[in-house]
Protein backbone atom coordinates (compact mmCIF):
# COMPACT_ATOMS: atom_id res chain seq x y z
CA MET A 1 27.48 -18.71 22.50
CA ILE A 2 30.29 -16.23 23.13
CA VAL A 3 31.39 -14.44 26.28
CA ILE A 4 32.56 -10.88 25.69
CA MET A 5 34.93 -9.77 28.40
CA GLN A 6 35.15 -6.17 29.59
CA VAL A 7 37.92 -3.91 28.34
CA GLY A 8 40.73 -4.38 30.80
CA ALA A 9 39.52 -7.73 32.13
CA THR A 10 42.31 -9.36 34.12
CA THR A 11 44.04 -12.61 33.30
CA GLN A 12 42.55 -14.13 36.47
CA GLN A 13 39.01 -13.14 35.41
CA ILE A 14 39.50 -14.66 31.95
CA GLU A 15 40.93 -17.86 33.45
CA ALA A 16 37.96 -18.09 35.82
CA VAL A 17 35.50 -17.92 32.92
CA VAL A 18 37.49 -20.53 30.99
CA ALA A 19 37.45 -22.83 34.03
CA ARG A 20 33.69 -22.40 34.43
CA ILE A 21 33.09 -23.26 30.77
CA LYS A 22 35.09 -26.46 31.19
CA GLU A 23 33.05 -27.33 34.29
CA MET A 24 29.95 -27.05 32.11
CA GLY A 25 31.33 -29.79 29.83
CA LEU A 26 32.06 -27.37 26.99
CA THR A 27 35.25 -26.35 25.20
CA PRO A 28 36.41 -22.71 25.49
CA HIS A 29 38.08 -20.96 22.56
CA VAL A 30 39.81 -17.73 23.55
CA SER A 31 40.25 -14.93 21.00
CA GLU A 32 42.30 -11.97 22.19
CA GLY A 33 41.65 -8.73 20.32
CA GLN A 34 43.37 -5.39 20.63
CA GLU A 35 40.81 -4.09 23.12
CA ARG A 36 38.95 -7.03 24.58
CA THR A 37 38.90 -10.83 24.83
CA ILE A 38 36.12 -12.99 23.41
CA ILE A 39 35.63 -16.56 24.65
CA GLY A 40 33.62 -18.95 22.54
CA LEU A 41 31.76 -21.99 23.88
CA VAL A 42 31.81 -25.12 21.75
CA GLY A 43 30.07 -28.39 22.55
CA ASP A 44 26.94 -30.45 22.27
CA ASP A 45 24.01 -28.19 21.30
CA ARG A 46 21.84 -30.28 23.65
CA GLN A 47 23.92 -29.21 26.65
CA GLU A 48 21.46 -28.10 29.35
CA ALA A 49 23.90 -26.14 31.50
CA ASP A 50 22.92 -22.61 32.53
CA ARG A 51 25.17 -20.73 30.16
CA ASP A 52 23.58 -17.39 31.02
CA SER A 53 25.10 -17.59 34.49
CA LEU A 54 28.40 -16.70 32.85
CA SER A 55 27.16 -13.15 32.36
CA LEU A 56 27.23 -12.67 36.15
CA MET A 57 30.93 -13.49 36.50
CA GLU A 58 33.49 -10.78 37.24
CA GLY A 59 35.06 -9.21 34.17
CA VAL A 60 32.25 -10.29 31.83
CA GLU A 61 30.60 -7.51 29.84
CA ARG A 62 27.90 -9.66 28.23
CA THR A 63 27.13 -12.99 26.62
CA MET A 64 25.74 -13.45 23.13
CA ARG A 65 24.36 -16.45 21.30
CA VAL A 66 26.01 -17.15 17.95
CA SER A 67 23.54 -16.86 15.07
CA HIS A 68 25.35 -19.24 12.70
CA PRO A 69 25.54 -23.06 12.87
CA TYR A 70 29.32 -22.79 12.39
CA LYS A 71 30.93 -21.41 15.52
CA ILE A 72 34.71 -21.31 15.49
CA ALA A 73 34.79 -20.28 11.82
CA SER A 74 32.47 -17.35 12.52
CA ARG A 75 33.58 -13.74 12.83
CA GLU A 76 31.41 -13.56 15.93
CA PHE A 77 33.83 -15.97 17.60
CA HIS A 78 36.93 -14.42 16.05
CA PRO A 79 36.38 -10.83 14.82
CA THR A 80 39.91 -10.29 13.47
CA ASP A 81 41.38 -11.98 10.39
CA THR A 82 43.28 -15.20 10.95
CA LEU A 83 46.72 -15.08 9.35
CA VAL A 84 47.99 -18.50 8.31
CA PRO A 85 51.81 -18.78 8.27
CA LEU A 86 53.33 -20.16 5.07
CA ASN A 87 57.08 -20.08 4.47
CA GLY A 88 57.62 -16.69 6.09
CA LEU A 89 54.42 -15.20 4.66
CA LYS A 90 51.09 -14.78 6.40
CA VAL A 91 48.15 -15.82 4.23
CA GLY A 92 45.37 -13.32 4.80
CA ASP A 93 47.72 -10.38 5.16
CA LYS A 94 48.14 -7.52 2.67
CA LYS A 95 50.45 -9.59 0.42
CA LEU A 96 48.65 -12.13 -1.77
CA VAL A 97 49.96 -15.67 -2.12
CA LEU A 98 50.36 -17.32 -5.53
CA ILE A 99 50.26 -21.12 -5.49
CA ALA A 100 51.18 -22.51 -8.89
CA GLY A 101 52.29 -25.74 -10.53
CA PRO A 102 51.04 -28.73 -12.49
CA CYS A 103 47.79 -30.54 -11.80
CA SER A 104 49.69 -33.83 -11.48
CA VAL A 105 53.28 -34.72 -10.75
CA GLU A 106 54.16 -36.73 -13.86
CA SER A 107 57.95 -36.96 -13.79
CA ARG A 108 60.98 -35.38 -12.16
CA GLU A 109 61.86 -33.42 -15.30
CA GLN A 110 58.31 -32.09 -15.71
CA LEU A 111 58.00 -31.01 -12.07
CA MET A 112 61.44 -29.41 -11.75
CA GLU A 113 61.05 -27.43 -14.95
CA THR A 114 57.64 -26.13 -13.94
CA ALA A 115 58.68 -25.41 -10.35
CA GLN A 116 61.64 -23.29 -11.45
CA ALA A 117 59.46 -21.45 -13.97
CA VAL A 118 56.73 -20.50 -11.49
CA LYS A 119 59.34 -19.49 -8.90
CA GLU A 120 60.97 -17.12 -11.38
CA ALA A 121 57.56 -15.68 -12.32
CA GLY A 122 56.74 -14.82 -8.71
CA ALA A 123 54.91 -17.83 -7.23
CA THR A 124 55.11 -18.18 -3.46
CA ALA A 125 54.16 -21.88 -3.23
CA LEU A 126 54.19 -24.97 -5.45
CA ARG A 127 51.13 -27.09 -6.13
CA GLY A 128 51.14 -30.60 -7.60
CA GLY A 129 49.07 -33.73 -7.21
CA ALA A 130 50.64 -37.01 -6.09
CA PHE A 131 47.28 -38.68 -5.45
CA LYS A 132 44.62 -37.72 -7.99
CA PRO A 133 40.85 -38.28 -7.59
CA ARG A 134 39.60 -38.81 -11.15
CA THR A 135 36.11 -39.29 -12.55
CA SER A 136 37.26 -42.26 -14.62
CA PRO A 137 39.06 -45.18 -12.97
CA TYR A 138 41.13 -45.49 -16.15
CA SER A 139 42.57 -41.97 -15.93
CA PHE A 140 46.00 -41.20 -14.47
CA GLN A 141 45.75 -41.51 -10.69
CA GLY A 142 49.09 -39.97 -9.75
CA LEU A 143 52.51 -41.29 -8.72
CA GLY A 144 51.64 -41.70 -5.03
CA GLU A 145 54.55 -41.52 -2.58
CA LYS A 146 57.04 -41.17 -5.43
CA GLY A 147 55.21 -37.99 -6.41
CA LEU A 148 55.47 -36.73 -2.83
CA GLU A 149 59.21 -37.37 -2.85
CA LEU A 150 59.56 -35.37 -6.06
CA LEU A 151 57.57 -32.50 -4.57
CA ALA A 152 59.89 -32.47 -1.55
CA GLU A 153 62.87 -32.43 -3.90
CA ALA A 154 61.37 -29.49 -5.81
CA ARG A 155 60.86 -27.63 -2.53
CA GLU A 156 64.52 -28.19 -1.68
CA ALA A 157 65.59 -26.86 -5.08
CA THR A 158 63.32 -23.80 -5.20
CA GLY A 159 62.48 -22.95 -1.59
CA LEU A 160 58.76 -23.04 -2.47
CA PRO A 161 56.47 -24.67 0.13
CA VAL A 162 54.41 -27.57 -1.22
CA VAL A 163 50.62 -27.82 -1.48
CA THR A 164 49.23 -31.24 -2.40
CA GLU A 165 46.00 -33.16 -2.03
CA VAL A 166 45.26 -35.85 0.54
CA MET A 167 42.37 -38.18 -0.31
CA GLU A 168 41.75 -40.36 2.73
CA PRO A 169 42.33 -40.25 6.50
CA GLY A 170 44.95 -42.99 6.48
CA LEU A 171 47.13 -40.97 4.10
CA VAL A 172 47.26 -37.83 6.26
CA PRO A 173 50.48 -38.77 8.14
CA LEU A 174 52.24 -39.74 4.90
CA VAL A 175 51.25 -36.59 2.98
CA ALA A 176 51.97 -34.36 5.99
CA LYS A 177 55.48 -35.83 6.10
CA TYR A 178 56.24 -34.31 2.69
CA ALA A 179 53.83 -31.39 2.21
CA ASP A 180 53.56 -28.00 3.88
CA VAL A 181 49.83 -27.73 3.15
CA LEU A 182 47.25 -30.53 3.02
CA GLN A 183 44.73 -29.84 0.28
CA ILE A 184 41.25 -31.32 0.71
CA GLY A 185 39.67 -31.37 -2.73
CA ALA A 186 36.14 -30.53 -3.81
CA ARG A 187 35.09 -34.19 -3.96
CA ASN A 188 36.21 -34.69 -0.35
CA MET A 189 34.88 -31.50 1.22
CA GLN A 190 32.32 -33.48 3.22
CA ASN A 191 34.51 -36.51 3.88
CA TYR A 192 34.12 -36.06 7.64
CA ALA A 193 36.66 -38.71 8.62
CA LEU A 194 39.24 -36.93 6.46
CA LEU A 195 38.31 -33.55 7.95
CA HIS A 196 38.77 -34.94 11.47
CA ALA A 197 42.14 -36.47 10.54
CA ALA A 198 43.37 -33.24 8.91
CA GLY A 199 42.30 -31.24 11.95
CA ALA A 200 43.98 -33.62 14.38
CA SER A 201 47.22 -33.48 12.36
CA GLN A 202 47.64 -29.77 13.27
CA HIS A 203 48.96 -29.31 9.71
CA THR A 204 47.99 -26.34 7.52
CA VAL A 205 44.92 -27.18 5.41
CA LEU A 206 43.56 -25.77 2.15
CA LEU A 207 39.87 -26.72 2.01
CA LYS A 208 38.19 -26.52 -1.38
CA ARG A 209 34.48 -25.89 -1.79
CA GLY A 210 32.52 -28.83 -3.14
CA MET A 211 31.25 -28.48 -6.68
CA MET A 212 27.63 -28.56 -5.47
CA SER A 213 28.08 -27.18 -1.96
CA THR A 214 26.77 -24.00 -0.41
CA MET A 215 29.02 -21.53 1.36
CA GLU A 216 27.49 -22.57 4.68
CA GLU A 217 28.35 -26.21 3.97
CA LEU A 218 31.93 -25.13 3.23
CA LEU A 219 32.12 -23.28 6.55
CA MET A 220 30.63 -26.25 8.40
CA ALA A 221 33.30 -28.48 6.82
CA ALA A 222 35.96 -26.04 8.04
CA GLU A 223 34.40 -26.25 11.50
CA TYR A 224 35.35 -29.94 11.68
CA ILE A 225 39.02 -29.03 11.21
CA LEU A 226 38.87 -26.05 13.56
CA SER A 227 37.19 -28.14 16.27
CA HIS A 228 40.52 -29.92 16.79
CA GLY A 229 42.22 -26.64 17.70
CA ASN A 230 43.82 -26.45 14.24
CA HIS A 231 43.28 -22.85 13.12
CA ARG A 232 45.65 -23.02 10.14
CA VAL A 233 42.83 -23.36 7.62
CA MET A 234 42.43 -21.66 4.25
CA LEU A 235 39.20 -21.81 2.25
CA CYS A 236 39.17 -22.14 -1.53
CA GLU A 237 36.50 -21.08 -4.04
CA ARG A 238 36.98 -23.18 -7.18
CA GLY A 239 33.67 -22.82 -9.01
CA ILE A 240 30.40 -24.68 -8.67
CA ARG A 241 28.48 -26.90 -11.06
CA THR A 242 25.61 -25.24 -12.92
CA PHE A 243 23.80 -25.76 -16.23
CA GLU A 244 26.50 -23.81 -18.13
CA THR A 245 28.65 -25.88 -20.51
CA TYR A 246 31.03 -23.26 -21.98
CA THR A 247 33.18 -23.45 -18.86
CA ARG A 248 34.10 -26.37 -16.62
CA ASN A 249 32.38 -24.76 -13.63
CA THR A 250 30.76 -21.43 -12.81
CA PHE A 251 33.11 -19.22 -10.84
CA ASP A 252 31.14 -17.96 -7.83
CA ILE A 253 32.84 -14.60 -7.49
CA ASN A 254 30.15 -13.68 -4.93
CA ALA A 255 31.59 -16.25 -2.55
CA ILE A 256 34.79 -14.28 -1.99
CA PRO A 257 33.30 -11.13 -0.39
CA VAL A 258 30.58 -13.14 1.37
CA LEU A 259 33.10 -15.49 2.97
CA LYS A 260 35.39 -12.61 3.87
CA GLN A 261 32.48 -11.03 5.74
CA ARG A 262 31.28 -14.16 7.53
CA THR A 263 34.56 -15.85 8.48
CA HIS A 264 38.00 -14.83 9.69
CA LEU A 265 39.70 -17.55 7.59
CA PRO A 266 41.72 -16.62 4.48
CA VAL A 267 40.01 -17.18 1.11
CA ILE A 268 41.94 -18.50 -1.89
CA ALA A 269 40.56 -18.53 -5.46
CA ASP A 270 41.15 -21.27 -8.03
CA PRO A 271 40.49 -19.77 -11.50
CA SER A 272 41.87 -22.87 -13.25
CA HIS A 273 39.18 -25.24 -12.00
CA ALA A 274 36.60 -22.47 -12.01
CA THR A 275 36.88 -21.97 -15.76
CA GLY A 276 38.48 -25.14 -17.10
CA ARG A 277 40.01 -23.19 -20.01
CA TRP A 278 43.40 -21.48 -19.87
CA GLU A 279 42.04 -18.63 -22.03
CA TYR A 280 39.72 -17.52 -19.21
CA VAL A 281 42.02 -18.08 -16.25
CA GLY A 282 43.58 -14.62 -16.36
CA ALA A 283 40.28 -12.71 -16.33
CA ALA A 284 38.92 -14.85 -13.49
CA ALA A 285 42.16 -14.47 -11.50
CA LYS A 286 42.13 -10.68 -11.76
CA ALA A 287 38.44 -10.58 -10.84
CA ALA A 288 39.17 -12.68 -7.74
CA ILE A 289 41.84 -10.23 -6.59
CA ALA A 290 39.48 -7.31 -7.09
CA ALA A 291 36.80 -9.16 -5.10
CA GLY A 292 39.11 -9.54 -2.10
CA ALA A 293 40.75 -12.96 -2.41
CA ASP A 294 43.82 -13.51 -0.22
CA GLY A 295 45.58 -15.57 -2.86
CA LEU A 296 45.29 -17.71 -5.97
CA ILE A 297 46.01 -21.33 -6.82
CA MET A 298 46.64 -21.94 -10.53
CA GLU A 299 47.75 -24.76 -12.77
CA VAL A 300 50.89 -24.27 -14.82
CA HIS A 301 52.47 -26.87 -17.14
CA CYS A 302 55.41 -26.58 -19.52
CA SER A 303 53.65 -28.73 -22.14
CA PRO A 304 49.88 -28.59 -21.51
CA GLU A 305 49.12 -30.58 -24.66
CA LYS A 306 51.02 -33.51 -23.13
CA ALA A 307 49.62 -33.17 -19.60
CA LEU A 308 48.20 -36.33 -18.08
CA SER A 309 45.44 -34.31 -16.40
CA ASP A 310 43.82 -30.87 -16.81
CA GLY A 311 45.96 -29.73 -19.72
CA ALA A 312 43.17 -27.57 -21.12
CA GLN A 313 43.14 -25.32 -18.06
CA SER A 314 46.89 -25.14 -17.52
CA LEU A 315 48.87 -22.01 -18.36
CA ARG A 316 52.25 -22.21 -20.05
CA PRO A 317 55.01 -20.64 -17.93
CA ASP A 318 55.36 -17.60 -20.21
CA LYS A 319 51.62 -16.89 -20.00
CA PHE A 320 51.71 -17.31 -16.22
CA ALA A 321 54.62 -14.85 -15.98
CA ARG A 322 52.72 -12.25 -18.03
CA LEU A 323 49.61 -12.79 -15.91
CA VAL A 324 51.55 -12.22 -12.68
CA LYS A 325 52.57 -8.79 -13.94
CA GLU A 326 48.94 -7.97 -14.79
CA MET A 327 47.72 -9.23 -11.42
CA ARG A 328 50.21 -6.99 -9.63
CA ARG A 329 48.52 -3.93 -11.13
CA VAL A 330 45.09 -5.14 -10.02
CA ALA A 331 46.41 -5.92 -6.54
CA GLU A 332 47.85 -2.41 -6.21
CA ALA A 333 44.47 -0.94 -7.18
CA VAL A 334 42.85 -2.63 -4.17
CA ASP A 335 45.71 -1.85 -1.78
CA ARG A 336 47.28 -5.32 -1.91
CA THR A 337 50.65 -6.57 -3.16
CA ILE A 338 52.00 -9.69 -4.88
């Protein structure tokens, strides 16, 4: 349920409604727009309190029940776009963010070379995995804390903020110590303990859609993070699993405009995981920009043939640099910039 305050409602009237919501055993979430304030009610759906009595309070224009199971993530709760701060930028604003780097941190030399290359090409953030969830237990699992230290060193050298994956609740404090953005991967999208821990950390989160998850399930996962008062959440469309075998996943381009309509959270596209082949990454990336994505996360490696993970979908730095120039033209066509 949301309470829509009248235009010109006073601070005292808003505070009175907030106090009443708390008396009802619910949590108020206040969203201040240019013209009016909207207050959302969050709590146990079984709550028997007379919520409709709120409509009789001074300064209240009307109350409205939220039609979606996700509340705080909904545009009904928060009509205006949420802008997530990232190293002086605001993700969700007119300027698109480009997050680029290797799938895995393999060595200092590999990371530094790639980080400098993507910075020169126009990247605004550095990605790299220190802890890697792999299908096979015999595959490279990442360098762990040593990888995090190298990412922090690369940030110091390039000025690029760091995006890296966290795999379990107990690792959140450690990863947050080194990273600017906690990435929750597709395999962990419904790891509810991890979602709670990421939300409680108050750290910026990039939440990837599960490979077999609906958009509503993605938004419900985001709701776990938002329920802790952590609104620095970015969603990521990275392709879903279908019967098709010519690509790693099927890039759900539909998800970008649908999510942009239903939620105020920024939407990032991952054309690398969506396609699984570097040859297709460029086309998928440009399509994502045209569809309204607020940014892209892509894998770049100086020697993809030697990569310890995801070499087939990684762009060489020169190809990434050329793609950035092409993406700028697409961004301009839809009134965005890179």
